[in-house]
Protein backbone atom coordinates (compact mmCIF):
# COMPACT_ATOMS: atom_id res chain seq x y z
CA MET A 1 37.10 251.63 17.17
CA ALA A 2 38.64 248.70 15.29
CA PRO A 3 36.23 245.92 14.41
CA ARG A 4 36.36 242.99 16.76
CA GLN A 5 37.01 239.51 15.54
CA SER A 6 34.50 236.81 16.28
CA LYS A 7 35.82 233.98 18.35
CA THR A 8 34.75 231.24 15.98
CA GLY A 9 35.24 233.13 12.74
CA GLU A 10 38.80 234.44 12.97
CA LEU A 11 40.46 233.31 16.16
CA GLY A 12 38.78 229.88 16.27
CA LEU A 13 39.97 228.81 12.86
CA GLU A 14 43.51 230.05 13.29
CA ALA A 15 43.79 228.49 16.74
CA SER A 16 42.66 225.18 15.25
CA LEU A 17 45.32 225.42 12.55
CA TRP A 18 47.97 226.13 15.13
CA GLU A 19 46.90 223.07 17.06
CA ALA A 20 46.92 221.06 13.85
CA ALA A 21 50.46 222.16 13.09
CA ASN A 22 51.64 221.23 16.57
CA ARG A 23 50.11 217.78 16.19
CA LEU A 24 52.04 217.20 12.98
CA ARG A 25 55.24 219.00 13.84
CA SER A 26 57.05 215.98 15.22
CA SER A 27 56.15 213.60 12.42
CA MET A 28 56.23 215.52 9.15
CA ASP A 29 58.29 218.17 7.42
CA PRO A 30 56.70 221.65 7.50
CA SER A 31 56.66 221.83 3.68
CA GLU A 32 54.46 218.74 3.63
CA TYR A 33 52.09 219.07 6.57
CA LYS A 34 50.52 222.30 5.37
CA HIS A 35 49.22 220.38 2.33
CA VAL A 36 47.78 217.70 4.58
CA VAL A 37 45.71 220.30 6.39
CA LEU A 38 44.71 222.12 3.19
CA GLY A 39 43.35 218.93 1.71
CA LEU A 40 41.35 218.18 4.83
CA VAL A 41 39.94 221.71 4.90
CA PHE A 42 38.87 221.33 1.28
CA LEU A 43 37.23 217.98 1.91
CA LYS A 44 35.46 219.31 5.00
CA TYR A 45 34.02 222.34 3.23
CA VAL A 46 32.80 220.57 0.08
CA SER A 47 31.25 217.91 2.30
CA ASP A 48 29.53 220.58 4.39
CA LYS A 49 28.02 222.11 1.27
CA PHE A 50 26.93 218.68 0.07
CA GLU A 51 25.24 217.90 3.38
CA LYS A 52 23.61 221.34 3.49
CA ARG A 53 22.10 220.79 0.05
CA ARG A 54 21.00 217.28 1.03
CA ALA A 55 19.23 218.57 4.14
CA GLU A 56 17.49 221.34 2.18
CA ALA A 57 16.29 218.89 -0.47
CA ALA A 58 15.04 216.43 2.15
CA VAL A 59 12.85 219.16 3.65
CA GLN A 60 11.50 220.13 0.23
CA PHE A 61 10.75 216.51 -0.70
CA ALA A 62 8.71 216.07 2.50
CA ASP A 63 6.81 219.38 2.24
CA PRO A 64 3.39 219.00 0.54
CA THR A 65 3.46 222.70 -0.42
CA SER A 66 6.81 222.41 -2.20
CA ASP A 67 7.21 221.98 -5.96
CA MET A 68 9.66 219.19 -5.12
CA TYR A 69 7.25 217.27 -2.89
CA LEU A 70 7.51 213.47 -3.11
CA PRO A 71 4.88 211.52 -1.13
CA ASN A 72 6.78 208.23 -1.20
CA GLU A 73 9.58 207.98 1.40
CA GLU A 74 11.59 205.45 -0.62
CA GLU A 75 11.40 207.73 -3.63
CA ARG A 76 12.68 210.60 -1.50
CA GLU A 77 15.72 208.61 -0.44
CA ARG A 78 16.42 207.60 -4.03
CA PHE A 79 16.24 211.17 -5.30
CA LEU A 80 18.53 212.37 -2.49
CA ASP A 81 21.26 210.32 -4.17
CA GLU A 82 20.75 211.89 -7.61
CA ARG A 83 23.95 213.60 -8.71
CA ASP A 84 22.18 216.45 -10.55
CA LEU A 85 20.44 217.49 -7.32
CA TYR A 86 23.83 218.79 -6.14
CA THR A 87 25.75 219.78 -9.26
CA GLY A 88 22.76 221.80 -10.46
CA VAL A 89 23.21 224.26 -7.58
CA GLY A 90 27.01 224.36 -7.60
CA ALA A 91 27.64 221.75 -4.91
CA PHE A 92 30.03 218.86 -5.47
CA TRP A 93 28.64 215.38 -5.77
CA ILE A 94 30.41 213.21 -3.19
CA PRO A 95 29.78 209.46 -3.44
CA ALA A 96 28.55 207.55 -0.41
CA GLY A 97 31.37 206.21 1.74
CA HIS A 98 33.65 209.13 0.89
CA ARG A 99 31.89 211.96 2.71
CA TRP A 100 33.26 213.80 5.73
CA THR A 101 30.80 212.04 8.03
CA ASP A 102 32.16 208.68 6.81
CA LEU A 103 35.73 209.75 7.51
CA ARG A 104 34.78 211.19 10.89
CA ASP A 105 33.22 207.87 11.88
CA ALA A 106 36.36 206.02 10.76
CA ALA A 107 38.88 208.50 12.21
CA LYS A 108 40.17 206.03 14.82
CA LEU A 109 40.70 203.14 12.37
CA PRO A 110 44.24 202.20 11.27
CA ASP A 111 43.38 202.53 7.56
CA ILE A 112 42.06 206.12 7.83
CA GLY A 113 44.85 207.37 5.52
CA VAL A 114 43.76 205.02 2.75
CA ARG A 115 40.15 206.11 3.23
CA VAL A 116 41.04 209.79 2.88
CA ASP A 117 43.08 209.10 -0.28
CA ASN A 118 40.16 207.11 -1.71
CA ALA A 119 37.80 210.00 -0.91
CA MET A 120 40.05 212.44 -2.78
CA GLU A 121 40.21 210.12 -5.79
CA ALA A 122 36.44 209.65 -5.76
CA ILE A 123 35.81 213.40 -5.69
CA GLU A 124 38.22 213.94 -8.59
CA LYS A 125 36.54 211.18 -10.59
CA GLU A 126 33.10 212.70 -10.08
CA ASN A 127 34.23 216.31 -10.64
CA SER A 128 36.38 216.65 -13.75
CA THR A 129 37.65 220.17 -12.95
CA LEU A 130 39.62 218.71 -10.03
CA ILE A 131 41.37 215.82 -11.80
CA GLY A 132 45.01 215.77 -10.71
CA VAL A 133 44.48 218.62 -8.25
CA LEU A 134 43.68 217.14 -4.82
CA PRO A 135 46.40 215.80 -2.48
CA LYS A 136 46.49 212.01 -2.13
CA SER A 137 49.30 211.18 0.28
CA TYR A 138 47.35 210.54 3.47
CA ALA A 139 48.33 206.86 3.56
CA SER A 140 52.00 207.86 3.73
CA LYS A 141 54.04 206.20 6.45
CA ASP A 142 55.16 209.69 7.52
CA LEU A 143 51.62 210.50 8.63
CA ALA A 144 50.54 208.41 11.60
CA ALA A 145 46.93 207.20 11.57
CA GLY A 146 46.41 208.59 15.08
CA THR A 147 47.61 212.03 14.00
CA LEU A 148 45.37 212.07 10.93
CA GLY A 149 42.41 210.89 12.98
CA GLY A 150 43.03 213.67 15.47
CA LEU A 151 43.00 216.24 12.70
CA ILE A 152 39.72 214.91 11.35
CA ASP A 153 38.22 215.16 14.83
CA MET A 154 39.49 218.71 15.13
CA PHE A 155 38.01 219.85 11.82
CA SER A 156 34.71 218.23 12.73
CA ARG A 157 34.04 220.94 15.28
CA GLU A 158 30.64 222.53 14.85
CA ASP A 159 32.02 226.07 14.97
CA LEU A 160 34.08 225.42 11.83
CA SER A 161 31.10 224.75 9.56
CA ALA A 162 31.29 225.93 5.96
CA ALA A 163 28.30 228.24 6.36
CA GLU A 164 30.24 230.38 8.81
CA HIS A 165 33.08 231.04 6.36
CA GLU A 166 31.40 230.85 2.96
CA ASP A 167 32.18 234.48 2.10
CA GLN A 168 35.85 234.28 3.08
CA ASP A 169 38.91 233.10 1.19
CA VAL A 170 39.30 230.17 3.58
CA LEU A 171 41.93 228.18 1.73
CA GLY A 172 43.94 231.27 0.97
CA ARG A 173 43.93 232.25 4.62
CA VAL A 174 44.94 228.75 5.67
CA TYR A 175 47.79 228.78 3.19
CA GLU A 176 48.91 232.25 4.32
CA TYR A 177 48.83 231.12 7.93
CA PHE A 178 51.02 228.09 7.37
CA LEU A 179 53.52 229.92 5.19
CA SER A 180 53.87 232.80 7.61
CA GLN A 181 54.01 230.74 10.81
CA PHE A 182 56.16 227.83 9.78
CA GLY A 183 57.79 228.87 6.51
CA SER A 184 58.29 226.91 3.34
CA GLY A 185 61.88 227.79 2.54
CA ALA A 186 60.66 229.90 -0.37
CA ASP A 187 61.19 233.63 -0.81
CA GLN A 188 58.09 235.39 0.46
CA SER A 189 59.48 238.92 0.33
CA GLY A 190 56.89 240.02 -2.20
CA GLY A 191 53.95 238.48 -0.42
CA GLU A 192 53.29 236.52 -3.59
CA TYR A 193 51.53 233.56 -2.02
CA TYR A 194 48.58 235.33 -0.50
CA SER A 195 47.16 238.83 -0.75
CA PRO A 196 45.75 240.29 2.48
CA ARG A 197 42.01 240.82 2.29
CA SER A 198 42.36 244.55 3.02
CA ILE A 199 44.41 245.00 -0.15
CA VAL A 200 42.23 242.74 -2.28
CA LYS A 201 39.00 244.39 -1.16
CA THR A 202 40.42 247.87 -1.78
CA MET A 203 41.45 246.94 -5.31
CA VAL A 204 38.10 245.33 -6.06
CA GLU A 205 36.09 248.25 -4.67
CA MET A 206 38.09 250.60 -6.88
CA LEU A 207 37.84 248.44 -10.02
CA GLU A 208 34.16 247.51 -9.54
CA PRO A 209 34.19 244.39 -11.75
CA TYR A 210 30.43 244.18 -12.34
CA LYS A 211 30.64 242.51 -15.71
CA GLY A 212 33.35 241.36 -18.09
CA ARG A 213 36.61 239.41 -18.25
CA VAL A 214 38.71 239.38 -15.08
CA PHE A 215 42.34 238.30 -15.39
CA ASP A 216 45.08 237.64 -12.84
CA PRO A 217 48.37 236.53 -14.44
CA ALA A 218 49.86 235.70 -11.02
CA CYS A 219 46.74 234.37 -9.35
CA GLY A 220 48.25 232.66 -6.31
CA SER A 221 45.47 231.08 -4.23
CA GLY A 222 42.73 232.80 -6.26
CA GLY A 223 41.70 235.31 -3.61
CA MET A 224 41.35 238.13 -6.16
CA PHE A 225 38.72 236.11 -8.02
CA VAL A 226 36.82 235.25 -4.86
CA GLN A 227 36.57 238.89 -3.82
CA SER A 228 35.60 239.98 -7.36
CA ALA A 229 32.80 237.43 -7.44
CA ASN A 230 31.64 238.51 -3.98
CA PHE A 231 31.59 242.14 -5.12
CA THR A 232 29.49 241.31 -8.17
CA ALA A 233 27.02 239.29 -6.10
CA ALA A 234 26.80 242.02 -3.46
CA HIS A 235 25.76 244.53 -6.12
CA SER A 236 22.86 242.45 -7.42
CA GLY A 237 24.89 240.85 -10.15
CA SER A 238 25.67 237.23 -10.90
CA ARG A 239 28.96 235.39 -10.86
CA ASN A 240 28.08 234.42 -14.41
CA ASP A 241 28.44 238.10 -15.33
CA ILE A 242 32.22 237.81 -15.04
CA SER A 243 34.56 235.46 -16.88
CA VAL A 244 37.60 234.49 -14.85
CA TYR A 245 41.07 233.89 -16.33
CA GLY A 246 44.23 233.25 -14.39
CA GLN A 247 47.73 231.85 -14.47
CA GLU A 248 50.09 230.62 -11.78
CA MET A 249 53.61 229.28 -12.21
CA ASN A 250 53.87 227.31 -8.95
CA PRO A 251 52.28 223.84 -9.33
CA THR A 252 51.22 223.59 -5.68
CA THR A 253 49.75 227.09 -5.65
CA TRP A 254 47.98 226.44 -8.98
CA ARG A 255 46.29 223.42 -7.40
CA LEU A 256 45.41 225.50 -4.36
CA ALA A 257 43.70 228.08 -6.61
CA LYS A 258 41.73 225.32 -8.35
CA MET A 259 40.58 224.01 -4.97
CA ASN A 260 39.77 227.46 -3.63
CA LEU A 261 37.68 228.45 -6.66
CA ALA A 262 35.96 225.06 -6.67
CA ILE A 263 34.80 225.64 -3.10
CA ARG A 264 33.27 228.96 -4.18
CA GLY A 265 31.58 227.55 -7.25
CA ILE A 266 33.60 229.90 -9.46
CA GLU A 267 34.37 228.58 -12.94
CA ALA A 268 37.78 229.78 -14.05
CA ASN A 269 40.20 229.21 -16.89
CA LEU A 270 43.56 228.83 -15.17
CA GLY A 271 45.12 227.10 -18.15
CA ALA A 272 45.50 223.37 -18.62
CA GLU A 273 48.37 223.46 -16.14
CA TRP A 274 50.64 225.88 -14.33
CA GLY A 275 53.10 228.04 -16.26
CA ASP A 276 55.24 231.17 -16.31
CA SER A 277 53.17 234.15 -17.48
CA PHE A 278 56.13 235.55 -19.42
CA ALA A 279 57.75 232.49 -21.00
CA ASP A 280 54.61 230.34 -21.23
CA ASP A 281 51.62 232.69 -21.56
CA LYS A 282 48.45 230.55 -21.33
CA HIS A 283 46.18 233.39 -22.49
CA LYS A 284 48.07 235.02 -25.36
CA ASP A 285 45.00 236.39 -27.10
CA LEU A 286 43.14 237.55 -23.98
CA ARG A 287 42.25 241.22 -23.66
CA ALA A 288 40.68 241.63 -20.23
CA ASP A 289 38.24 244.24 -19.00
CA PHE A 290 39.76 244.04 -15.53
CA ILE A 291 43.22 242.93 -14.45
CA ILE A 292 43.68 242.57 -10.72
CA THR A 293 46.82 241.03 -9.32
CA ASN A 294 49.54 240.93 -6.66
CA PRO A 295 52.54 239.45 -8.48
CA PRO A 296 55.91 238.30 -7.15
CA PHE A 297 58.11 241.37 -7.46
CA GLY A 298 61.39 242.91 -6.43
CA ASN A 299 65.04 242.68 -7.41
CA LYS A 300 65.35 238.99 -6.50
CA VAL A 301 62.64 237.79 -8.89
CA TYR A 302 64.16 236.81 -12.23
CA TRP A 303 62.11 236.57 -15.40
CA ALA A 304 62.72 235.45 -19.00
CA ALA A 305 64.10 238.79 -20.22
CA ASP A 306 66.75 237.30 -22.52
CA ALA A 307 64.28 235.00 -24.25
CA LEU A 308 61.74 237.79 -24.81
CA GLN A 309 63.98 240.51 -26.28
CA SER A 310 62.08 240.35 -29.58
CA GLU A 311 58.59 240.79 -28.08
CA THR A 312 58.32 244.50 -28.71
CA LYS A 313 54.51 244.36 -28.92
CA ARG A 314 54.37 243.00 -25.42
CA PHE A 315 57.06 245.30 -24.04
CA PRO A 316 56.78 248.45 -26.18
CA TYR A 317 58.45 250.74 -23.63
CA GLY A 318 61.59 248.65 -23.27
CA ILE A 319 62.79 245.30 -21.90
CA PRO A 320 63.35 245.62 -18.13
CA PRO A 321 66.45 244.11 -16.52
CA ALA A 322 66.32 240.36 -16.01
CA SER A 323 66.91 240.75 -12.27
CA LYS A 324 64.00 243.13 -11.70
CA VAL A 325 60.57 242.07 -12.87
CA ASN A 326 58.42 245.06 -11.83
CA TYR A 327 58.19 246.80 -15.20
CA ALA A 328 57.85 243.52 -17.03
CA TRP A 329 54.65 242.92 -15.06
CA LEU A 330 53.33 246.44 -15.67
CA GLN A 331 53.81 246.18 -19.42
CA ASN A 332 52.37 242.67 -19.47
CA TYR A 333 49.15 244.00 -17.91
CA LEU A 334 48.86 246.74 -20.52
CA HIS A 335 49.37 244.13 -23.24
CA HIS A 336 46.50 242.01 -21.93
CA LEU A 337 44.17 244.93 -21.22
CA SER A 338 41.17 245.69 -23.43
CA PRO A 339 41.00 249.16 -25.05
CA THR A 340 38.66 250.43 -22.31
CA GLY A 341 39.77 248.14 -19.46
CA THR A 342 41.52 248.95 -16.18
CA ALA A 343 44.39 247.12 -14.47
CA ALA A 344 45.12 247.19 -10.74
CA THR A 345 48.26 245.74 -9.22
CA VAL A 346 50.40 245.77 -6.09
CA MET A 347 53.94 247.03 -6.64
CA PRO A 348 56.87 247.80 -4.31
CA ASN A 349 57.40 251.49 -3.66
CA GLY A 350 60.72 251.31 -5.44
CA SER A 351 58.89 251.04 -8.75
CA LEU A 352 57.61 254.60 -8.24
CA THR A 353 61.08 256.15 -8.37
CA SER A 354 63.61 253.62 -9.64
CA ASN A 355 66.00 254.61 -12.44
CA THR A 356 67.94 251.34 -12.37
CA ASN A 357 69.02 250.34 -15.88
CA ASN A 358 66.15 251.57 -18.10
CA GLU A 359 63.31 251.50 -15.56
CA GLY A 360 63.12 255.28 -15.35
CA ASP A 361 62.78 255.54 -19.13
CA ILE A 362 60.04 252.89 -19.17
CA ARG A 363 58.11 254.74 -16.47
CA ARG A 364 58.50 258.04 -18.30
CA LYS A 365 57.18 256.58 -21.56
CA MET A 366 54.20 255.00 -19.78
CA ILE A 367 53.33 258.36 -18.21
CA GLU A 368 53.84 260.26 -21.47
CA GLU A 369 51.51 257.87 -23.27
CA ASP A 370 48.95 258.35 -20.49
CA LYS A 371 48.77 254.76 -19.25
CA VAL A 372 49.00 255.48 -15.51
CA GLU A 373 45.70 256.52 -13.92
CA CYS A 374 46.11 256.33 -10.14
CA ILE A 375 48.74 255.52 -7.51
CA VAL A 376 47.80 254.67 -3.91
CA SER A 377 50.45 254.50 -1.18
CA LEU A 378 49.58 251.84 1.38
CA PRO A 379 50.62 251.68 5.05
CA GLY A 380 53.21 249.17 6.19
CA GLN A 381 52.37 245.92 7.99
CA LEU A 382 49.43 244.98 5.76
CA PHE A 383 51.17 241.77 4.76
CA TYR A 384 51.39 239.03 7.35
CA GLY A 385 54.98 238.93 8.59
CA VAL A 386 56.30 241.06 5.70
CA GLN A 387 57.16 244.75 6.15
CA ILE A 388 57.81 245.68 2.53
CA PRO A 389 56.28 249.09 1.65
CA VAL A 390 53.95 248.82 -1.35
CA SER A 391 51.60 250.87 -3.48
CA LEU A 392 48.68 250.18 -5.79
CA TRP A 393 48.98 251.02 -9.48
CA PHE A 394 45.89 251.59 -11.65
CA MET A 395 46.45 251.70 -15.42
CA THR A 396 44.28 252.08 -18.50
CA HIS A 397 44.51 252.77 -22.23
CA ASP A 398 41.52 255.10 -22.20
CA LYS A 399 41.04 258.21 -20.05
CA LYS A 400 38.67 259.93 -22.46
CA LYS A 401 35.21 261.07 -21.50
CA ARG A 402 32.57 258.36 -21.47
CA LEU A 403 28.86 259.04 -21.63
CA GLY A 404 26.54 257.08 -19.38
CA GLU A 405 24.86 256.93 -16.00
CA GLY A 406 26.39 256.15 -12.62
CA VAL A 407 29.54 254.04 -12.77
CA LYS A 408 29.38 253.97 -16.58
CA ALA A 409 30.02 257.73 -16.80
CA ARG A 410 33.57 259.05 -16.94
CA ARG A 411 34.93 262.57 -17.25
CA ASP A 412 37.89 263.38 -19.50
CA ARG A 413 41.01 262.54 -17.44
CA GLN A 414 43.59 262.68 -20.21
CA HIS A 415 47.08 263.57 -19.00
CA GLU A 416 46.01 263.48 -15.35
CA VAL A 417 47.04 261.10 -12.58
CA LEU A 418 45.34 260.75 -9.20
CA PHE A 419 47.63 260.32 -6.20
CA ILE A 420 46.25 258.96 -2.91
CA ASP A 421 48.35 258.70 0.24
CA ALA A 422 46.63 256.10 2.44
CA ARG A 423 49.58 255.39 4.73
CA LYS A 424 47.84 256.90 7.75
CA LEU A 425 44.72 254.79 7.34
CA GLY A 426 44.09 251.39 8.93
CA PHE A 427 44.12 249.87 12.40
CA MET A 428 46.22 247.22 14.12
CA ALA A 429 44.18 244.03 13.71
CA SER A 430 46.82 242.14 15.68
CA ARG A 431 50.17 242.87 17.28
CA ASN A 432 51.98 242.52 13.96
CA GLN A 433 49.44 243.20 11.25
CA LYS A 434 47.48 246.21 10.12
CA ALA A 435 44.15 246.12 8.27
CA PHE A 436 41.75 248.54 6.62
CA SER A 437 38.29 249.08 8.02
CA ASP A 438 35.33 249.28 5.65
CA ASP A 439 35.37 253.05 6.12
CA ASP A 440 39.05 253.21 5.14
CA ILE A 441 38.37 251.25 1.96
CA ALA A 442 35.32 253.37 1.15
CA LYS A 443 37.35 256.58 1.60
CA ILE A 444 39.97 255.41 -0.91
CA ALA A 445 37.52 253.94 -3.43
CA ASP A 446 35.07 256.84 -3.29
CA THR A 447 37.89 259.32 -3.89
CA TYR A 448 38.97 257.38 -6.99
CA HIS A 449 35.45 257.10 -8.40
CA ALA A 450 34.68 260.76 -7.73
CA TRP A 451 37.91 261.77 -9.50
CA ARG A 452 36.90 259.68 -12.51
CA GLY A 453 33.68 261.65 -12.67
CA GLU A 454 31.24 258.86 -11.84
CA ARG A 455 27.97 260.53 -10.95
CA THR A 456 27.18 258.14 -8.11
CA HIS A 457 30.17 259.30 -6.05
CA GLY A 458 29.79 263.08 -5.90
CA ALA A 459 32.28 265.78 -6.79
CA TYR A 460 36.04 265.35 -6.40
CA ALA A 461 38.28 267.78 -4.51
CA ASP A 462 41.98 267.63 -3.60
CA VAL A 463 42.61 267.02 0.11
CA ASP A 464 45.92 268.13 1.61
CA GLY A 465 47.87 265.15 2.82
CA PHE A 466 45.52 262.60 1.25
CA CYS A 467 44.78 263.08 -2.47
CA LYS A 468 45.81 265.24 -5.42
CA SER A 469 44.86 265.29 -9.09
CA THR A 470 48.15 265.93 -10.89
CA THR A 471 48.97 266.75 -14.52
CA THR A 472 51.60 265.07 -16.64
CA ALA A 473 53.47 268.37 -16.73
CA GLU A 474 53.68 268.42 -12.93
CA ILE A 475 54.97 264.83 -12.89
CA GLU A 476 57.58 265.74 -15.50
CA ALA A 477 58.68 268.68 -13.35
CA ALA A 478 59.13 266.24 -10.45
CA GLY A 479 61.48 264.06 -12.49
CA TRP A 480 58.86 261.47 -13.53
CA VAL A 481 58.55 260.02 -10.03
CA LEU A 482 55.15 258.69 -8.94
CA THR A 483 55.41 258.86 -5.13
CA PRO A 484 52.02 260.14 -3.84
CA GLY A 485 53.56 261.88 -0.84
CA ARG A 486 55.49 264.11 -3.20
CA PHE A 487 52.29 265.54 -4.66
CA VAL A 488 49.55 265.42 -2.02
CA GLY A 489 51.39 267.71 0.42
CA SER A 490 50.89 267.71 4.18
CA GLU A 491 47.53 267.69 5.86
CA SER A 492 46.63 270.75 7.89
CA ILE A 493 47.90 270.69 11.46
CA VAL A 494 45.03 270.65 13.94
CA ASP A 495 45.50 271.70 17.57
CA ASP A 496 44.09 268.75 19.51
CA GLY A 497 44.58 270.45 22.87
CA VAL A 498 47.25 267.99 24.04
CA PRO A 499 50.24 269.82 25.57
CA VAL A 500 53.50 269.42 23.65
CA GLU A 501 55.20 268.08 26.80
CA GLU A 502 52.70 265.19 26.97
CA LYS A 503 53.23 264.37 23.29
CA ILE A 504 57.00 264.22 23.82
CA VAL A 505 56.58 261.82 26.76
CA GLU A 506 54.24 259.65 24.69
CA LEU A 507 56.70 259.60 21.79
CA ARG A 508 59.59 258.62 24.05
CA ASP A 509 57.53 255.81 25.57
CA SER A 510 56.66 254.56 22.09
CA ILE A 511 60.27 254.53 20.98
CA LYS A 512 61.19 252.43 24.04
CA SER A 513 59.00 249.59 22.72
CA GLY A 514 60.71 247.83 19.83
CA PHE A 515 57.62 247.26 17.70
CA ALA A 516 56.26 250.79 18.06
CA ALA A 517 59.72 252.22 17.38
CA ARG A 518 60.03 250.37 14.09
CA ALA A 519 56.59 251.49 12.97
CA PHE A 520 57.28 255.10 13.97
CA LEU A 521 60.70 255.24 12.37
CA GLN A 522 59.46 253.63 9.16
CA ALA A 523 56.64 256.17 8.88
CA ARG A 524 58.99 259.08 9.61
CA VAL A 525 61.59 257.92 7.08
CA GLU A 526 58.92 257.52 4.40
CA GLU A 527 57.70 261.07 5.09
CA LEU A 528 61.23 262.43 4.69
CA LEU A 529 61.88 260.46 1.51
CA ASP A 530 58.69 261.71 -0.12
CA GLY A 531 60.44 264.95 -0.94
CA LEU A 532 63.37 263.21 -2.61
CA VAL A 533 63.92 261.28 -5.82
CA VAL A 534 65.21 257.98 -4.52
CA GLU A 535 65.72 254.45 -5.68
CA GLU A 536 64.57 251.72 -3.33
CA ASP A 537 66.30 248.39 -3.53
CA VAL A 538 63.10 246.41 -4.17
């Protein structure tokens, strides 16, 4: 059974955002009002954390058994306004008069826009990592004081407290919601603004970034970093065990990532400002232990190919066409990867088979030099509102045997590639979007770790229709294509006892419904194409 969403956790927040959008729809352009809401969400959550820390400290100051006990009430109040009391535990220091409670109390006043702008400026002044990041346009004549006050009242609801969402990529989800529901006029075909949590969690569970340098050269809202830090903490590690590096070329999205990571207390080097990872690499000398990313991709994403023709060290397998960035990204990851590191990325399925210009030659050289470790085909509909079929690529410079215990152990995987076909996994989390359950993610990740020879994950075995360990010679015989369905075969047919006549009726009923028909036809076409060498136009 698919996991149910909690009313206040998933549906409550999104319903509130929808209401917020409707409130602003008549008075502000869609490209602007999403930033209004994002800023308020940020301010609400950092204020919640501040107030939570203040309440905890007040209890400790008044408790005679506590190491922080202060017998004098005036002294307690004075120490509650000490900045280090908050910054020392990762909470933001928010000056009096600029906290969410202050804004909530003033929500009906005509100067509420000025007050919110002043609060943003005060937070930036007290927290240097946010200078120039927070939105400060709440006093704009385009935003009516009554509308802004209504939003503040809405986000003051008790069921939207920070504690309820502290392990979720809240800002990223908000941003995804607004982009998908109302649009920004930008090309979202690659899903580059926000990576669905199912995909991010799958990549993180496969990479297992316990310790080391984590890099995302197209970091978007920073969701990859959030999930990596959560993974480390969940496995008895510390966020200080990983060093976070990122880059983002969109100024607004770069600011969003800074805000999102600030909420989580994650220190990250995202460069002094935004910039193109190809033409303006902010981390030229970085060699990361883990690269995890979902970049903008496809044949409509142009990159600085002409200006980088001489960078043979960065693109040793060939310069991809300027109008198709996929293999530029793949080579860029290998360039920034440490000798023993692993890179994981989302790529369109076309990258698995394309021979456009010199892409086929680049893929062949990468396979011959043993850089590709694993390919995972994902089901459609994982992206919100985007139906592009995608796969996960895992790459490394080192497939040799590694001695060690548990996850540190590796078997010799030289000249082998693992193919996983996960298209039949997942459940419909909503009418339009699919998601992976924890069991789905565990099935994929455990298969990968077992194949690598990690002693904590048992022995690996090929499974018809799901996974296959394939040699370079077999891939060469298949024309250097990397489509998992071509190698894993078909799963065994099991007689479920349902008469064929009933199945035909069910299929016909499904085809009559537009949504089900599209999903069925897409799945069927992908199955048929698995046996062919094709070039997809993405």
